[in-house]
Amino acid sequence: MNRIARLVFRPALPVLFFLSLVGTTSVAQEPAHQPNQMNIWQARRAMTAALGVTDIRFSPDSFEYDSSFTSKGKTHSETTKIDLVTAPAVEANRNFVHAWSLKLTYDKGSLPKNKVTSNFLYRSWSDPPPSVCFLCDAPPTTCSADCVQKAQTFATAFNSLRAFAKDANAPLRTFTQRAAAWRALATKPPIPDEVRVQRMMAEDAFKANKPDEALHYYEAGVLLYPTWPEGNFNAALIAGDLGYYAAAIEHMQAYLELVPDAADAQAARDKILIWQTKAKEK
């Protein structure tokens, strides 16, 4: 059995082939694979990169983070929480009357304002144009196209999180109950055909040395069928190797909840400890 087959069908941490990467892939540039939607983990990674906050605490219905700013010589800390159920959708728009113009359209009264979110939600360019872009600090005439893409990525991520928060029937939202019912089955059912397709696409991407794409397909399969141990396990390993530690931890914890007595359970727990340490060092 080749390496990719062992990765997919025989999850065993000590013998898995780990990707050799130089540095860490930028989450801000991670491909969405769909023009107007990201999966929940992609959206969380993109949101973390966009806001520049490493410790964002996500739940199915909201996210929050701590930030600090200095005013009149004093440092102030604040916690911002955004309720995704009540939050408005956002949209990145180019103003083609002035090629340098970019803004995010949203309902200002519905989202909290602080020093971090102001970069994307509360500041827009006006006439006359500023000397530098508020997204990348480069002259607007040289960065506008790139910054539109960044703003669109942010909008897609935010709206994907919002859509998930509003979907009470999403399989992932009832994972604990589903996992308990799955563990109780004497004979585990095969994965559905639509999940099998995602697995095959993940294998193909992995063999082509496209780890982000492989992760996307594994995560797509997990969203469709959360009680897929191998999908969660392999998503965890790839996410961890790419430096997406929060997702890696979440996927491996799901794997352990599904198969707590697996032969590699202790090795999986050790990987979680390693990822938690690396996440703190970022």
Protein backbone atom coordinates (compact mmCIF):
# COMPACT_ATOMS: atom_id res chain seq x y z
CA MET A 1 0.00 0.00 0.00
CA ASN A 2 1.49 3.34 -0.97
CA ARG A 3 2.01 6.31 1.31
CA ILE A 4 -1.12 8.18 0.40
CA ALA A 5 -3.20 5.05 0.90
CA ARG A 6 -1.71 4.64 4.37
CA LEU A 7 -2.51 8.27 5.07
CA VAL A 8 -6.14 7.77 4.14
CA PHE A 9 -6.91 4.24 5.27
CA ARG A 10 -4.45 3.36 7.99
CA PRO A 11 -4.00 6.38 10.27
CA ALA A 12 -0.93 5.70 12.37
CA LEU A 13 1.02 8.72 13.51
CA PRO A 14 4.52 7.24 13.75
CA VAL A 15 4.65 6.08 10.12
CA LEU A 16 2.76 8.80 8.30
CA PHE A 17 4.50 10.71 5.54
CA PHE A 18 4.65 14.37 6.52
CA LEU A 19 4.86 17.07 3.90
CA SER A 20 8.16 18.90 3.54
CA LEU A 21 7.35 22.59 3.46
CA VAL A 22 9.53 25.66 3.59
CA GLY A 23 8.02 28.06 6.07
CA THR A 24 4.29 28.28 6.70
CA THR A 25 1.67 28.73 4.01
CA SER A 26 -0.06 32.10 4.30
CA VAL A 27 -3.64 31.65 5.41
CA ALA A 28 -4.58 34.93 3.79
CA GLN A 29 -3.73 33.45 0.40
CA GLU A 30 -5.32 30.06 0.96
CA PRO A 31 -7.54 29.22 -2.02
CA ALA A 32 -11.24 29.30 -1.23
CA HIS A 33 -12.02 26.79 -4.02
CA GLN A 34 -15.46 28.36 -4.32
CA PRO A 35 -15.87 31.98 -5.37
CA ASN A 36 -18.48 32.99 -2.80
CA GLN A 37 -18.07 30.51 0.03
CA MET A 38 -15.40 28.96 2.25
CA ASN A 39 -15.74 26.00 4.53
CA ILE A 40 -15.89 26.80 8.22
CA TRP A 41 -12.18 26.16 8.87
CA GLN A 42 -11.00 28.10 5.84
CA ALA A 43 -13.17 31.02 6.91
CA ARG A 44 -11.75 30.94 10.42
CA ARG A 45 -8.19 30.87 9.13
CA ALA A 46 -8.88 33.71 6.71
CA MET A 47 -10.55 35.78 9.43
CA THR A 48 -7.61 35.24 11.78
CA ALA A 49 -5.16 36.35 9.10
CA ALA A 50 -7.27 39.33 8.04
CA LEU A 51 -7.65 40.75 11.54
CA GLY A 52 -4.06 39.98 12.47
CA VAL A 53 -5.13 38.48 15.79
CA THR A 54 -3.65 35.08 16.61
CA ASP A 55 -6.03 34.16 19.43
CA ILE A 56 -9.53 34.39 18.00
CA ARG A 57 -12.00 32.26 19.95
CA PHE A 58 -14.57 30.82 17.56
CA SER A 59 -17.86 29.19 18.39
CA PRO A 60 -20.56 28.10 15.93
CA ASP A 61 -22.48 31.34 16.55
CA SER A 62 -19.84 33.99 17.26
CA PHE A 63 -16.20 34.85 17.60
CA GLU A 64 -14.28 37.05 19.98
CA TYR A 65 -10.74 38.25 20.50
CA ASP A 66 -8.68 40.48 22.75
CA SER A 67 -6.83 43.54 21.50
CA SER A 68 -5.00 46.48 22.97
CA PHE A 69 -4.28 50.06 21.98
CA THR A 70 -2.40 53.00 23.44
CA SER A 71 -4.10 56.31 24.09
CA LYS A 72 -2.54 59.28 25.88
CA GLY A 73 0.38 57.17 27.00
CA LYS A 74 -1.79 54.43 28.51
CA THR A 75 -2.37 50.93 27.16
CA HIS A 76 -5.96 49.79 27.08
CA SER A 77 -7.24 46.25 26.54
CA GLU A 78 -10.60 45.30 25.17
CA THR A 79 -12.49 42.18 24.16
CA THR A 80 -14.59 42.29 21.03
CA LYS A 81 -17.32 39.71 20.45
CA ILE A 82 -19.25 39.52 17.20
CA ASP A 83 -22.54 37.63 17.20
CA LEU A 84 -22.65 36.08 13.74
CA VAL A 85 -26.37 35.30 13.90
CA THR A 86 -27.33 38.96 14.12
CA ALA A 87 -24.37 40.36 12.18
CA PRO A 88 -25.07 41.79 8.72
CA ALA A 89 -23.41 40.44 5.62
CA VAL A 90 -20.48 42.49 4.33
CA GLU A 91 -19.48 43.18 0.76
CA ALA A 92 -16.25 44.48 -0.74
CA ASN A 93 -16.87 47.09 -3.41
CA ARG A 94 -14.67 48.92 -5.87
CA ASN A 95 -15.66 52.44 -6.82
CA PHE A 96 -14.89 52.57 -10.53
CA VAL A 97 -15.35 56.34 -10.67
CA HIS A 98 -12.13 56.55 -8.67
CA ALA A 99 -9.94 53.52 -9.36
CA TRP A 100 -8.33 53.79 -5.96
CA SER A 101 -11.55 53.61 -4.00
CA LEU A 102 -12.39 50.54 -1.89
CA LYS A 103 -14.83 49.99 0.93
CA LEU A 104 -16.76 47.30 2.71
CA THR A 105 -20.50 47.79 2.73
CA TYR A 106 -22.26 46.80 5.96
CA ASP A 107 -24.68 48.04 8.58
CA LYS A 108 -22.43 50.05 10.90
CA GLY A 109 -24.88 49.94 13.78
CA SER A 110 -24.79 46.15 14.01
CA LEU A 111 -21.11 45.46 14.53
CA PRO A 112 -18.83 46.57 17.38
CA LYS A 113 -16.09 49.05 16.59
CA ASN A 114 -12.57 48.75 17.87
CA LYS A 115 -9.00 49.29 16.71
CA VAL A 116 -8.73 45.89 15.01
CA THR A 117 -11.98 45.69 13.08
CA SER A 118 -11.61 49.28 11.93
CA ASN A 119 -9.09 48.14 9.30
CA PHE A 120 -11.82 46.31 7.44
CA LEU A 121 -15.21 47.40 8.69
CA TYR A 122 -15.02 51.05 9.58
CA ARG A 123 -12.53 52.80 7.37
CA SER A 124 -12.97 53.63 3.72
CA TRP A 125 -11.12 55.76 1.26
CA SER A 126 -12.44 59.17 0.40
CA ASP A 127 -11.67 62.07 -1.91
CA PRO A 128 -8.87 63.13 -1.92
CA PRO A 129 -7.26 59.68 -1.75
CA PRO A 130 -4.93 58.91 1.16
CA SER A 131 -1.20 58.67 0.67
CA VAL A 132 -1.17 54.96 1.55
CA CYS A 133 -3.64 52.09 1.44
CA PHE A 134 -5.20 51.24 4.80
CA LEU A 135 -4.83 47.50 4.11
CA CYS A 136 -1.18 47.21 3.13
CA ASP A 137 0.40 50.67 3.63
CA ALA A 138 1.44 50.87 -0.03
CA PRO A 139 0.53 53.70 -2.40
CA PRO A 140 -3.09 53.11 -3.49
CA THR A 141 -2.20 53.29 -7.18
CA THR A 142 0.06 50.25 -6.85
CA CYS A 143 -1.95 48.07 -4.49
CA SER A 144 -5.64 48.60 -5.19
CA ALA A 145 -6.24 45.36 -7.12
CA ASP A 146 -4.46 43.27 -4.49
CA CYS A 147 -6.30 44.99 -1.68
CA VAL A 148 -9.66 44.46 -3.33
CA GLN A 149 -8.84 40.76 -3.35
CA LYS A 150 -7.90 40.90 0.32
CA ALA A 151 -11.10 42.70 1.18
CA GLN A 152 -13.14 40.24 -0.87
CA THR A 153 -11.45 37.34 0.95
CA PHE A 154 -12.36 38.96 4.26
CA ALA A 155 -15.96 39.47 3.14
CA THR A 156 -16.24 35.87 1.91
CA ALA A 157 -14.82 34.55 5.19
CA PHE A 158 -17.10 36.71 7.31
CA ASN A 159 -20.19 35.82 5.30
CA SER A 160 -19.33 32.10 5.36
CA LEU A 161 -19.07 32.18 9.15
CA ARG A 162 -22.35 34.07 9.27
CA ALA A 163 -24.08 31.51 7.02
CA PHE A 164 -22.84 28.66 9.21
CA ALA A 165 -24.08 30.42 12.34
CA LYS A 166 -27.53 30.73 10.81
CA ASP A 167 -27.70 27.08 9.67
CA ALA A 168 -29.14 25.25 12.66
CA ASN A 169 -29.23 21.99 10.67
CA ALA A 170 -25.52 21.89 9.78
CA PRO A 171 -24.24 18.40 10.67
CA LEU A 172 -21.18 19.78 12.42
CA ARG A 173 -23.32 21.67 14.92
CA THR A 174 -24.52 18.40 16.49
CA PHE A 175 -21.17 16.62 16.39
CA THR A 176 -21.13 15.45 20.03
CA GLN A 177 -24.51 13.73 19.70
CA ARG A 178 -23.61 12.28 16.30
CA ALA A 179 -20.29 10.99 17.62
CA ALA A 180 -21.97 9.25 20.57
CA ALA A 181 -24.52 7.60 18.28
CA TRP A 182 -21.77 6.55 15.85
CA ARG A 183 -19.64 5.01 18.60
CA ALA A 184 -22.65 3.00 19.79
CA LEU A 185 -23.06 1.30 16.41
CA ALA A 186 -21.89 -2.30 16.44
CA THR A 187 -21.10 -2.09 12.72
CA LYS A 188 -19.93 1.24 11.37
CA PRO A 189 -21.52 2.23 8.05
CA PRO A 190 -19.35 3.06 5.03
CA ILE A 191 -18.87 6.71 4.26
CA PRO A 192 -21.48 8.15 1.85
CA ASP A 193 -20.61 8.34 -1.83
CA GLU A 194 -20.37 12.14 -1.77
CA VAL A 195 -17.80 11.91 1.03
CA ARG A 196 -15.92 9.19 -0.85
CA VAL A 197 -15.56 11.64 -3.73
CA GLN A 198 -14.04 14.21 -1.37
CA ARG A 199 -11.63 11.54 -0.11
CA MET A 200 -10.52 10.67 -3.64
CA MET A 201 -10.04 14.36 -4.46
CA ALA A 202 -7.98 14.77 -1.28
CA GLU A 203 -5.80 11.79 -2.18
CA ASP A 204 -5.23 13.17 -5.66
CA ALA A 205 -4.32 16.62 -4.34
CA PHE A 206 -1.98 15.15 -1.74
CA LYS A 207 -0.16 13.06 -4.35
CA ALA A 208 0.16 16.22 -6.49
CA ASN A 209 1.84 17.98 -3.54
CA LYS A 210 -1.07 20.39 -3.06
CA PRO A 211 -1.63 20.17 0.70
CA ASP A 212 -4.03 23.11 0.95
CA GLU A 213 -6.30 21.51 -1.64
CA ALA A 214 -6.06 18.14 0.08
CA LEU A 215 -7.04 19.80 3.36
CA HIS A 216 -9.95 21.53 1.65
CA TYR A 217 -11.36 18.24 0.39
CA TYR A 218 -10.89 16.42 3.69
CA GLU A 219 -12.63 19.26 5.49
CA ALA A 220 -15.42 19.28 2.91
CA GLY A 221 -15.94 15.59 3.58
CA VAL A 222 -15.98 16.16 7.34
CA LEU A 223 -18.59 18.88 6.95
CA LEU A 224 -20.77 16.47 5.01
CA TYR A 225 -20.15 13.56 7.37
CA PRO A 226 -18.62 14.63 10.72
CA THR A 227 -18.36 11.03 11.99
CA TRP A 228 -15.51 10.24 9.58
CA PRO A 229 -12.50 9.36 11.73
CA GLU A 230 -9.96 9.09 8.90
CA GLY A 231 -11.09 12.38 7.40
CA ASN A 232 -10.68 14.20 10.70
CA PHE A 233 -7.34 12.48 11.36
CA ASN A 234 -5.81 13.29 8.00
CA ALA A 235 -7.19 16.84 8.04
CA ALA A 236 -5.53 17.28 11.44
CA LEU A 237 -2.14 16.10 10.22
CA ILE A 238 -2.14 18.25 7.10
CA ALA A 239 -3.45 21.31 8.95
CA GLY A 240 -0.79 20.88 11.62
CA ASP A 241 1.98 20.54 9.05
CA LEU A 242 0.76 23.71 7.32
CA GLY A 243 0.76 25.62 10.60
CA TYR A 244 -3.03 25.81 10.95
CA TYR A 245 -2.83 24.70 14.55
CA ALA A 246 -6.34 25.62 15.71
CA ALA A 247 -7.90 23.54 12.93
CA ALA A 248 -5.42 20.71 13.51
CA ILE A 249 -6.35 20.55 17.19
CA GLU A 250 -10.07 20.64 16.45
CA HIS A 251 -9.85 17.87 13.86
CA MET A 252 -7.70 15.62 16.07
CA GLN A 253 -10.01 16.15 19.04
CA ALA A 254 -12.89 15.07 16.80
CA TYR A 255 -10.93 11.97 15.79
CA LEU A 256 -10.33 11.08 19.44
CA GLU A 257 -13.99 11.63 20.29
CA LEU A 258 -14.93 9.17 17.55
CA VAL A 259 -12.29 6.52 18.34
CA PRO A 260 -11.03 7.21 21.88
CA ASP A 261 -9.52 3.72 22.16
CA ALA A 262 -7.66 3.76 18.84
CA ALA A 263 -4.18 2.24 18.86
CA ASP A 264 -2.67 5.65 18.10
CA ALA A 265 -4.86 7.60 20.54
CA GLN A 266 -1.96 8.54 22.83
CA ALA A 267 0.16 9.62 19.87
CA ALA A 268 -2.76 11.74 18.68
CA ARG A 269 -3.05 13.37 22.11
CA ASP A 270 0.68 14.08 22.01
CA LYS A 271 0.27 15.81 18.65
CA ILE A 272 -2.43 18.03 20.16
CA LEU A 273 -0.03 19.06 22.94
CA ILE A 274 2.63 19.89 20.37
CA TRP A 275 0.21 21.97 18.29
CA GLN A 276 -1.06 23.81 21.36
CA THR A 277 2.52 24.73 22.24
CA LYS A 278 3.33 25.85 18.70
CA ALA A 279 0.14 27.92 18.56
CA LYS A 280 1.23 29.82 21.67
CA GLU A 281 4.64 30.47 20.16
CA LYS A 282 3.23 32.07 17.00
